[in-house]
């Protein structure tokens, strides 16, 4: 029998201060997107399956939540924002030749395996810079990621950057099938060197190609050393060498932004989405086992919707970010401190007028009729709702004010009970 008070696997509730904190983070992120010139756009929670099909290179079909409309069309809950934003940009900006900057905030739904406690419904905030192919555009989105994380109080984080064209260049001209290429990508992306060596032997891939592929899982770390190694192993492979050149140029741009210290390179980063065509990056910090941001360049995706336009963007996983901030003890203001106005029945009109005065000053007020509630219960209620003061409007005409001691203790216990530090 289903326990109706519980949520299904992979989703969760956000309540009270944790919910307010999440909203405060989202508001801060959105304001920074606006400062960089990005305009908000909202896409539907469900769309046609073909928007996210294998041709687009999005989430695997088996990981999507599918449903059918009355006409028998297959729909999916949005698993990924990028194809949806690409559809919108092609629809609403078909003739625009200048860059289009779009930002979003919403939930995605991926029916992944919950072996690592990953949520199946997660909140994402991100941007897409459409119609700009330059290294400077890549630098802008990376700078925005770094700026957002710093503004939220993170100091210890790293952005790992790769370029899928390096891998593509190594395999160009070979007769390796698409299926084997995918297997190679998975092994390299997961740093599975033993699996990679077994795969190379199985499919009789040898020579320079095998040598470079074997080194890819370990080709990460210090920018200068990593790019030197990548250039040496690329030999005379022009496509791979151009990828290294672009990464060097990107690093120079990040130096101009004063943010190069946050950048490392990983040539073995290939991503889970096949629509990436150039740089790809992930952001990591301590306090969580997953990356908090994923992004990259996808120059061919827009053309599938009728508008050829190079594009680059990223998405921040707000839920994972919150987990990291909690474990790093980074505090971000939630809703403002409130007042509990406890009134006798005969003082109702006076209480309403007093509450209106406080609300005019942007101070939240909780009005509760005084019906002999237990003092300890009132204090617990106040702590849970970040109430700092209790005003008593007594039956005898008195007005008394008391401070609420330790108002955060109970809220913290409630957050832990609800899985706020999962």
Protein backbone atom coordinates (compact mmCIF):
# COMPACT_ATOMS: atom_id res chain seq x y z
CA UNK A 1 0.00 0.00 0.00
CA UNK A 2 1.33 3.46 -0.94
CA UNK A 3 2.13 5.66 2.03
CA UNK A 4 0.60 8.95 0.92
CA UNK A 5 2.61 11.07 3.34
CA UNK A 6 5.85 10.05 1.64
CA UNK A 7 7.30 11.11 -1.70
CA UNK A 8 8.36 8.72 -4.49
CA UNK A 9 12.00 7.75 -4.81
CA UNK A 10 14.14 10.51 -6.27
CA UNK A 11 12.04 13.53 -5.27
CA UNK A 12 11.72 15.47 -2.03
CA UNK A 13 9.96 18.31 -0.26
CA UNK A 14 11.52 21.66 0.60
CA UNK A 15 10.02 23.30 3.64
CA UNK A 16 10.27 26.48 5.69
CA UNK A 17 13.78 27.88 6.02
CA UNK A 18 15.31 25.42 3.57
CA UNK A 19 12.74 26.44 0.97
CA UNK A 20 13.37 30.11 1.71
CA UNK A 21 17.11 29.53 1.41
CA UNK A 22 16.67 27.82 -1.96
CA UNK A 23 14.58 30.73 -3.18
CA UNK A 24 17.21 33.21 -1.98
CA UNK A 25 19.89 31.31 -3.93
CA UNK A 26 17.73 31.28 -7.06
CA UNK A 27 17.05 35.01 -6.72
CA UNK A 28 20.76 35.76 -6.37
CA UNK A 29 21.62 33.64 -9.41
CA UNK A 30 18.91 35.23 -11.55
CA UNK A 31 20.03 38.73 -10.64
CA UNK A 32 23.58 37.93 -11.76
CA UNK A 33 22.32 36.52 -15.06
CA UNK A 34 20.53 39.83 -15.62
CA UNK A 35 23.70 41.81 -14.92
CA UNK A 36 25.41 39.93 -17.75
CA UNK A 37 22.62 40.84 -20.17
CA UNK A 38 20.68 37.55 -20.18
CA UNK A 39 16.90 37.68 -20.64
CA UNK A 40 14.69 35.11 -18.92
CA UNK A 41 12.70 32.55 -20.86
CA UNK A 42 10.32 29.83 -19.65
CA UNK A 43 9.76 26.59 -21.53
CA UNK A 44 7.00 24.00 -20.90
CA UNK A 45 7.53 21.26 -18.34
CA UNK A 46 6.57 18.70 -21.00
CA UNK A 47 7.32 18.77 -24.73
CA UNK A 48 7.28 16.45 -27.72
CA UNK A 49 9.65 13.53 -27.40
CA UNK A 50 11.36 14.45 -30.68
CA UNK A 51 12.76 17.63 -29.10
CA UNK A 52 15.02 15.42 -26.98
CA UNK A 53 15.45 12.36 -29.21
CA UNK A 54 18.72 10.57 -29.96
CA UNK A 55 19.40 12.81 -32.97
CA UNK A 56 19.59 15.81 -30.66
CA UNK A 57 22.12 14.04 -28.44
CA UNK A 58 20.25 14.74 -25.21
CA UNK A 59 19.32 12.41 -22.33
CA UNK A 60 18.96 8.72 -23.22
CA UNK A 61 15.40 7.71 -24.06
CA UNK A 62 15.30 5.12 -21.25
CA UNK A 63 15.95 7.90 -18.71
CA UNK A 64 13.01 10.07 -19.78
CA UNK A 65 9.57 10.20 -18.21
CA UNK A 66 7.17 9.62 -21.13
CA UNK A 67 3.44 10.21 -21.47
CA UNK A 68 0.87 10.46 -24.26
CA UNK A 69 -1.57 13.20 -25.18
CA UNK A 70 -5.09 12.66 -26.49
CA UNK A 71 -3.84 12.46 -30.07
CA UNK A 72 -1.40 9.69 -29.22
CA UNK A 73 1.68 11.92 -29.49
CA UNK A 74 4.59 10.95 -27.25
CA UNK A 75 5.47 13.65 -24.75
CA UNK A 76 8.26 13.76 -22.15
CA UNK A 77 8.82 15.66 -18.96
CA UNK A 78 11.66 18.06 -19.70
CA UNK A 79 14.93 16.12 -19.06
CA UNK A 80 17.29 18.83 -20.32
CA UNK A 81 16.95 22.57 -20.93
CA UNK A 82 19.36 23.06 -23.82
CA UNK A 83 17.31 21.48 -26.66
CA UNK A 84 14.21 23.30 -25.38
CA UNK A 85 16.01 26.67 -25.40
CA UNK A 86 17.41 25.88 -28.87
CA UNK A 87 13.85 25.27 -30.10
CA UNK A 88 12.71 28.61 -28.64
CA UNK A 89 15.67 30.56 -30.07
CA UNK A 90 15.03 29.13 -33.54
CA UNK A 91 11.33 29.98 -33.25
CA UNK A 92 11.52 33.50 -31.84
CA UNK A 93 14.83 34.78 -33.24
CA UNK A 94 15.06 33.23 -36.72
CA UNK A 95 16.54 36.33 -38.41
CA UNK A 96 18.62 37.74 -35.56
CA UNK A 97 22.29 38.07 -36.47
CA UNK A 98 23.54 39.55 -33.19
CA UNK A 99 24.07 37.33 -30.12
CA UNK A 100 20.94 36.27 -28.22
CA UNK A 101 21.37 35.83 -24.46
CA UNK A 102 18.74 33.69 -22.73
CA UNK A 103 18.53 32.51 -19.12
CA UNK A 104 16.24 30.01 -17.41
CA UNK A 105 15.26 28.63 -14.04
CA UNK A 106 13.14 25.51 -13.64
CA UNK A 107 13.03 21.80 -12.95
CA UNK A 108 14.27 18.88 -15.02
CA UNK A 109 13.11 15.26 -14.73
CA UNK A 110 15.51 12.38 -15.38
CA UNK A 111 14.63 8.81 -14.40
CA UNK A 112 18.17 7.91 -13.44
CA UNK A 113 19.29 5.16 -11.15
CA UNK A 114 19.32 6.38 -7.57
CA UNK A 115 22.39 4.41 -6.56
CA UNK A 116 24.19 7.60 -5.54
CA UNK A 117 21.18 9.34 -4.06
CA UNK A 118 20.71 11.61 -7.07
CA UNK A 119 17.39 13.40 -7.35
CA UNK A 120 15.18 12.60 -10.32
CA UNK A 121 13.60 16.02 -10.14
CA UNK A 122 16.17 18.79 -9.84
CA UNK A 123 16.14 22.56 -10.12
CA UNK A 124 18.46 24.08 -12.71
CA UNK A 125 19.44 27.65 -13.48
CA UNK A 126 21.46 28.43 -16.57
CA UNK A 127 22.14 30.53 -19.62
CA UNK A 128 22.52 29.99 -23.36
CA UNK A 129 24.54 32.41 -25.51
CA UNK A 130 23.24 31.92 -29.06
CA UNK A 131 24.86 33.18 -32.25
CA UNK A 132 28.43 33.69 -31.03
CA UNK A 133 31.27 31.30 -31.90
CA UNK A 134 34.27 33.14 -30.45
CA UNK A 135 36.64 32.12 -27.69
CA UNK A 136 35.51 35.31 -25.93
CA UNK A 137 31.96 33.94 -25.80
CA UNK A 138 33.28 30.78 -24.15
CA UNK A 139 35.14 32.94 -21.66
CA UNK A 140 32.03 34.97 -20.88
CA UNK A 141 29.96 31.97 -19.84
CA UNK A 142 32.83 30.59 -17.77
CA UNK A 143 33.29 33.98 -16.10
CA UNK A 144 29.58 34.08 -15.31
CA UNK A 145 29.76 30.63 -13.70
CA UNK A 146 32.69 31.69 -11.55
CA UNK A 147 31.05 35.01 -10.65
CA UNK A 148 27.86 33.23 -9.55
CA UNK A 149 29.71 30.76 -7.34
CA UNK A 150 31.80 33.50 -5.75
CA UNK A 151 28.77 35.70 -5.13
CA UNK A 152 27.10 32.79 -3.35
CA UNK A 153 30.06 32.58 -0.97
CA UNK A 154 32.03 29.67 -2.41
CA UNK A 155 35.79 30.11 -2.31
CA UNK A 156 37.05 26.58 -2.90
CA UNK A 157 35.82 25.36 -6.27
CA UNK A 158 37.31 24.45 -9.62
CA UNK A 159 36.07 24.53 -13.20
CA UNK A 160 37.44 21.69 -15.33
CA UNK A 161 37.48 22.44 -19.05
CA UNK A 162 37.96 20.11 -22.01
CA UNK A 163 37.24 20.13 -25.74
CA UNK A 164 35.50 17.22 -27.44
CA UNK A 165 37.18 18.13 -30.73
CA UNK A 166 40.46 16.79 -29.40
CA UNK A 167 38.96 13.30 -29.08
CA UNK A 168 37.13 13.67 -32.41
CA UNK A 169 40.38 14.64 -34.10
CA UNK A 170 42.18 11.58 -32.81
CA UNK A 171 39.51 9.29 -34.29
CA UNK A 172 39.03 11.21 -37.53
CA UNK A 173 39.92 9.09 -40.52
CA UNK A 174 39.70 5.82 -38.60
CA UNK A 175 37.14 3.16 -39.47
CA UNK A 176 35.89 2.82 -35.89
CA UNK A 177 32.11 2.40 -35.78
CA UNK A 178 29.80 4.81 -33.94
CA UNK A 179 28.96 2.11 -31.41
CA UNK A 180 32.62 1.55 -30.54
CA UNK A 181 33.21 5.32 -30.42
CA UNK A 182 30.49 5.59 -27.79
CA UNK A 183 32.05 2.78 -25.76
CA UNK A 184 35.41 4.53 -25.97
CA UNK A 185 33.83 7.83 -24.90
CA UNK A 186 32.20 6.20 -21.88
CA UNK A 187 35.45 4.60 -20.72
CA UNK A 188 37.42 7.82 -21.15
CA UNK A 189 34.74 9.99 -19.51
CA UNK A 190 34.60 7.65 -16.51
CA UNK A 191 38.42 7.45 -16.25
CA UNK A 192 38.17 3.69 -16.72
CA UNK A 193 41.65 2.98 -18.04
CA UNK A 194 41.43 -0.80 -17.62
CA UNK A 195 38.11 -0.95 -19.45
CA UNK A 196 39.58 1.27 -22.16
CA UNK A 197 42.61 -0.96 -22.67
CA UNK A 198 40.37 -4.03 -22.88
CA UNK A 199 38.18 -2.27 -25.45
CA UNK A 200 41.17 -1.26 -27.58
CA UNK A 201 42.45 -4.82 -27.57
CA UNK A 202 39.04 -6.28 -28.35
CA UNK A 203 38.56 -4.09 -31.43
CA UNK A 204 42.22 -4.28 -32.46
CA UNK A 205 42.83 -0.54 -32.21
CA UNK A 206 46.54 0.10 -32.04
CA UNK A 207 49.27 2.52 -33.07
CA UNK A 208 49.17 6.26 -32.41
CA UNK A 209 45.39 6.30 -31.97
CA UNK A 210 45.53 3.71 -29.20
CA UNK A 211 48.46 5.51 -27.53
CA UNK A 212 46.62 8.82 -27.33
CA UNK A 213 43.32 7.27 -26.23
CA UNK A 214 45.09 5.38 -23.44
CA UNK A 215 46.53 8.66 -22.15
CA UNK A 216 43.28 10.65 -22.32
CA UNK A 217 41.79 9.53 -18.96
CA UNK A 218 44.91 10.88 -17.20
CA UNK A 219 45.26 14.04 -19.28
CA UNK A 220 44.02 16.56 -16.73
CA UNK A 221 45.29 18.97 -14.10
CA UNK A 222 47.62 21.96 -14.32
CA UNK A 223 46.67 24.01 -17.44
CA UNK A 224 50.18 24.48 -18.82
CA UNK A 225 51.33 20.91 -18.25
CA UNK A 226 48.09 19.39 -19.55
CA UNK A 227 48.10 21.40 -22.77
CA UNK A 228 51.78 20.62 -23.38
CA UNK A 229 51.04 16.91 -23.07
CA UNK A 230 47.96 17.22 -25.29
CA UNK A 231 49.92 19.05 -27.98
CA UNK A 232 52.75 16.51 -27.91
CA UNK A 233 50.41 13.51 -28.21
CA UNK A 234 48.36 15.14 -30.99
CA UNK A 235 51.42 15.07 -33.25
CA UNK A 236 50.36 16.46 -36.63
CA UNK A 237 46.63 15.96 -36.09
CA UNK A 238 45.30 19.36 -37.15
CA UNK A 239 41.84 19.06 -35.59
CA UNK A 240 43.22 18.05 -32.21
CA UNK A 241 45.92 20.74 -32.37
CA UNK A 242 43.28 23.40 -33.10
CA UNK A 243 41.41 22.23 -30.01
CA UNK A 244 44.55 22.76 -27.94
CA UNK A 245 45.03 26.21 -29.51
CA UNK A 246 41.49 27.21 -28.54
CA UNK A 247 41.98 26.04 -24.97
CA UNK A 248 45.16 28.10 -24.74
CA UNK A 249 43.32 31.13 -26.06
CA UNK A 250 40.50 30.52 -23.60
CA UNK A 251 42.95 30.35 -20.71
CA UNK A 252 44.39 33.70 -21.80
CA UNK A 253 40.88 35.20 -21.84
CA UNK A 254 40.21 33.90 -18.34
CA UNK A 255 43.45 35.55 -17.26
CA UNK A 256 42.08 38.84 -18.62
CA UNK A 257 38.96 38.29 -16.51
CA UNK A 258 41.21 37.63 -13.50
CA UNK A 259 39.71 34.16 -13.08
CA UNK A 260 42.29 31.77 -14.52
CA UNK A 261 43.11 30.41 -11.06
CA UNK A 262 39.73 28.65 -11.06
CA UNK A 263 40.44 26.83 -14.34
CA UNK A 264 42.01 23.42 -14.93
CA UNK A 265 41.95 21.35 -18.12
CA UNK A 266 40.74 17.80 -18.70
CA UNK A 267 41.08 16.48 -22.25
CA UNK A 268 39.33 13.26 -21.20
CA UNK A 269 36.10 15.11 -20.39
CA UNK A 270 33.63 14.20 -23.13
CA UNK A 271 30.25 14.63 -21.43
CA UNK A 272 26.99 12.71 -21.39
CA UNK A 273 25.28 14.78 -24.09
CA UNK A 274 26.28 14.17 -27.68
CA UNK A 275 25.31 17.65 -28.87
CA UNK A 276 28.53 19.17 -27.51
CA UNK A 277 30.85 20.17 -30.35
CA UNK A 278 33.61 22.18 -28.67
CA UNK A 279 34.55 23.15 -25.15
CA UNK A 280 32.87 21.29 -22.33
CA UNK A 281 33.20 22.07 -18.64
CA UNK A 282 32.11 21.00 -15.18
CA UNK A 283 32.31 22.79 -11.85
CA UNK A 284 33.24 21.03 -8.62
CA UNK A 285 33.45 21.96 -4.97
CA UNK A 286 33.74 19.94 -1.78
CA UNK A 287 30.73 18.77 0.23
CA UNK A 288 29.10 16.88 -2.64
CA UNK A 289 30.09 13.96 -4.83
CA UNK A 290 28.57 15.45 -7.99
CA UNK A 291 29.44 18.43 -10.13
CA UNK A 292 27.43 21.58 -9.43
CA UNK A 293 27.55 22.97 -12.96
CA UNK A 294 27.79 21.49 -16.47
CA UNK A 295 28.16 23.36 -19.74
CA UNK A 296 29.69 23.51 -23.16
CA UNK A 297 29.47 24.54 -26.79
CA UNK A 298 26.89 23.04 -29.16
CA UNK A 299 27.29 24.60 -32.61
CA UNK A 300 25.16 22.07 -34.52
CA UNK A 301 22.08 21.74 -32.32
CA UNK A 302 20.35 24.95 -33.41
CA UNK A 303 20.50 23.89 -37.07
CA UNK A 304 18.27 20.91 -36.26
CA UNK A 305 15.52 23.42 -35.44
CA UNK A 306 16.04 25.50 -38.59
CA UNK A 307 18.48 28.19 -37.43
CA UNK A 308 22.20 27.68 -37.92
CA UNK A 309 23.75 29.44 -34.95
CA UNK A 310 26.80 28.53 -32.84
CA UNK A 311 25.90 28.45 -29.15
CA UNK A 312 27.39 27.91 -25.72
CA UNK A 313 25.83 27.68 -22.27
CA UNK A 314 25.67 26.00 -18.88
CA UNK A 315 23.29 24.77 -16.20
CA UNK A 316 23.76 24.98 -12.43
CA UNK A 317 22.19 22.23 -10.32
CA UNK A 318 20.66 24.28 -7.51
CA UNK A 319 19.93 21.26 -5.30
CA UNK A 320 23.52 20.00 -5.44
CA UNK A 321 24.79 23.53 -4.93
CA UNK A 322 22.63 23.90 -1.81
CA UNK A 323 23.99 20.64 -0.44
CA UNK A 324 27.56 21.87 -0.91
CA UNK A 325 26.80 25.26 0.67
CA UNK A 326 25.17 23.59 3.68
CA UNK A 327 28.15 21.32 4.29
CA UNK A 328 30.57 24.21 3.81
CA UNK A 329 28.48 26.22 6.31
CA UNK A 330 27.93 29.03 3.82
CA UNK A 331 24.97 31.04 5.01
CA UNK A 332 22.79 32.96 2.61
CA UNK A 333 19.91 35.03 4.00
CA UNK A 334 16.54 33.38 3.61
CA UNK A 335 13.34 35.23 4.28
CA UNK A 336 13.55 38.23 6.66
CA UNK A 337 13.05 37.85 10.40
CA UNK A 338 9.36 37.85 11.32
CA UNK A 339 7.07 38.94 14.16
CA UNK A 340 4.47 36.73 15.86
CA UNK A 341 1.50 38.88 16.83
CA UNK A 342 -0.53 37.11 19.51
CA UNK A 343 -3.81 38.93 20.14
CA UNK A 344 -6.87 38.64 22.30
CA UNK A 345 -10.22 38.48 20.53
CA UNK A 346 -11.17 41.95 21.77
CA UNK A 347 -7.94 43.44 20.29
CA UNK A 348 -8.49 42.08 16.75
CA UNK A 349 -8.89 45.45 15.02
CA UNK A 350 -5.86 46.90 16.77
CA UNK A 351 -3.82 43.82 15.88
CA UNK A 352 -4.78 44.06 12.19
CA UNK A 353 -3.72 47.72 12.07
CA UNK A 354 -0.42 46.97 13.83
CA UNK A 355 0.32 44.10 11.45
CA UNK A 356 -0.36 46.34 8.44
CA UNK A 357 2.14 48.85 9.80
CA UNK A 358 4.87 46.25 10.10
CA UNK A 359 4.14 44.81 6.65
CA UNK A 360 4.42 48.30 5.18
CA UNK A 361 8.02 48.18 6.45
CA UNK A 362 8.52 44.77 4.70
CA UNK A 363 8.48 42.93 8.04
CA UNK A 364 6.53 39.63 7.88
CA UNK A 365 3.87 39.19 10.57
CA UNK A 366 2.22 35.95 11.74
CA UNK A 367 -1.12 36.70 13.39
CA UNK A 368 -2.37 34.11 15.90
CA UNK A 369 -5.40 34.46 18.15
CA UNK A 370 -4.49 34.01 21.81
CA UNK A 371 -6.45 30.99 22.96
CA UNK A 372 -4.24 29.91 25.84
CA UNK A 373 -1.52 28.28 23.76
CA UNK A 374 1.37 26.72 25.63
CA UNK A 375 4.35 29.09 25.89
CA UNK A 376 6.87 26.41 24.87
CA UNK A 377 4.79 25.52 21.81
CA UNK A 378 4.69 29.18 20.75
CA UNK A 379 8.47 29.47 21.09
CA UNK A 380 9.02 26.32 18.99
CA UNK A 381 6.69 27.72 16.34
CA UNK A 382 8.60 31.00 16.38
CA UNK A 383 11.98 29.30 15.97
CA UNK A 384 10.75 27.16 13.09
CA UNK A 385 9.50 30.24 11.23
CA UNK A 386 12.48 32.52 11.92
CA UNK A 387 10.42 34.74 14.18
CA UNK A 388 12.59 36.96 16.34
CA UNK A 389 9.89 38.75 18.39
CA UNK A 390 6.52 37.96 19.90
CA UNK A 391 4.03 40.80 20.47
CA UNK A 392 1.24 40.16 22.95
CA UNK A 393 -1.97 42.19 22.68
CA UNK A 394 -3.68 41.23 25.94
CA UNK A 395 -7.35 41.15 26.90
CA UNK A 396 -6.64 43.82 29.52
CA UNK A 397 -5.36 46.30 26.90
CA UNK A 398 -1.69 45.58 27.54
CA UNK A 399 0.96 45.32 24.84
CA UNK A 400 4.05 43.28 25.62
CA UNK A 401 7.04 42.34 23.47
CA UNK A 402 9.47 39.47 23.97
CA UNK A 403 12.53 38.31 22.03
CA UNK A 404 12.69 34.70 20.87
CA UNK A 405 15.93 33.04 22.02
CA UNK A 406 17.76 30.54 19.77
CA UNK A 407 15.29 30.86 16.89
CA UNK A 408 17.45 28.78 14.50
CA UNK A 409 17.83 25.64 16.61
CA UNK A 410 14.47 24.04 15.90
CA UNK A 411 14.57 24.97 12.20
CA UNK A 412 17.91 23.21 11.88
CA UNK A 413 16.49 20.06 13.49
CA UNK A 414 13.50 20.13 11.14
CA UNK A 415 15.77 20.53 8.11
CA UNK A 416 17.83 17.51 9.12
CA UNK A 417 14.70 15.47 9.71
CA UNK A 418 13.47 16.30 6.21
CA UNK A 419 16.77 15.33 4.60
CA UNK A 420 18.18 18.82 4.09
CA UNK A 421 21.69 17.40 4.44
CA UNK A 422 21.19 14.26 2.38
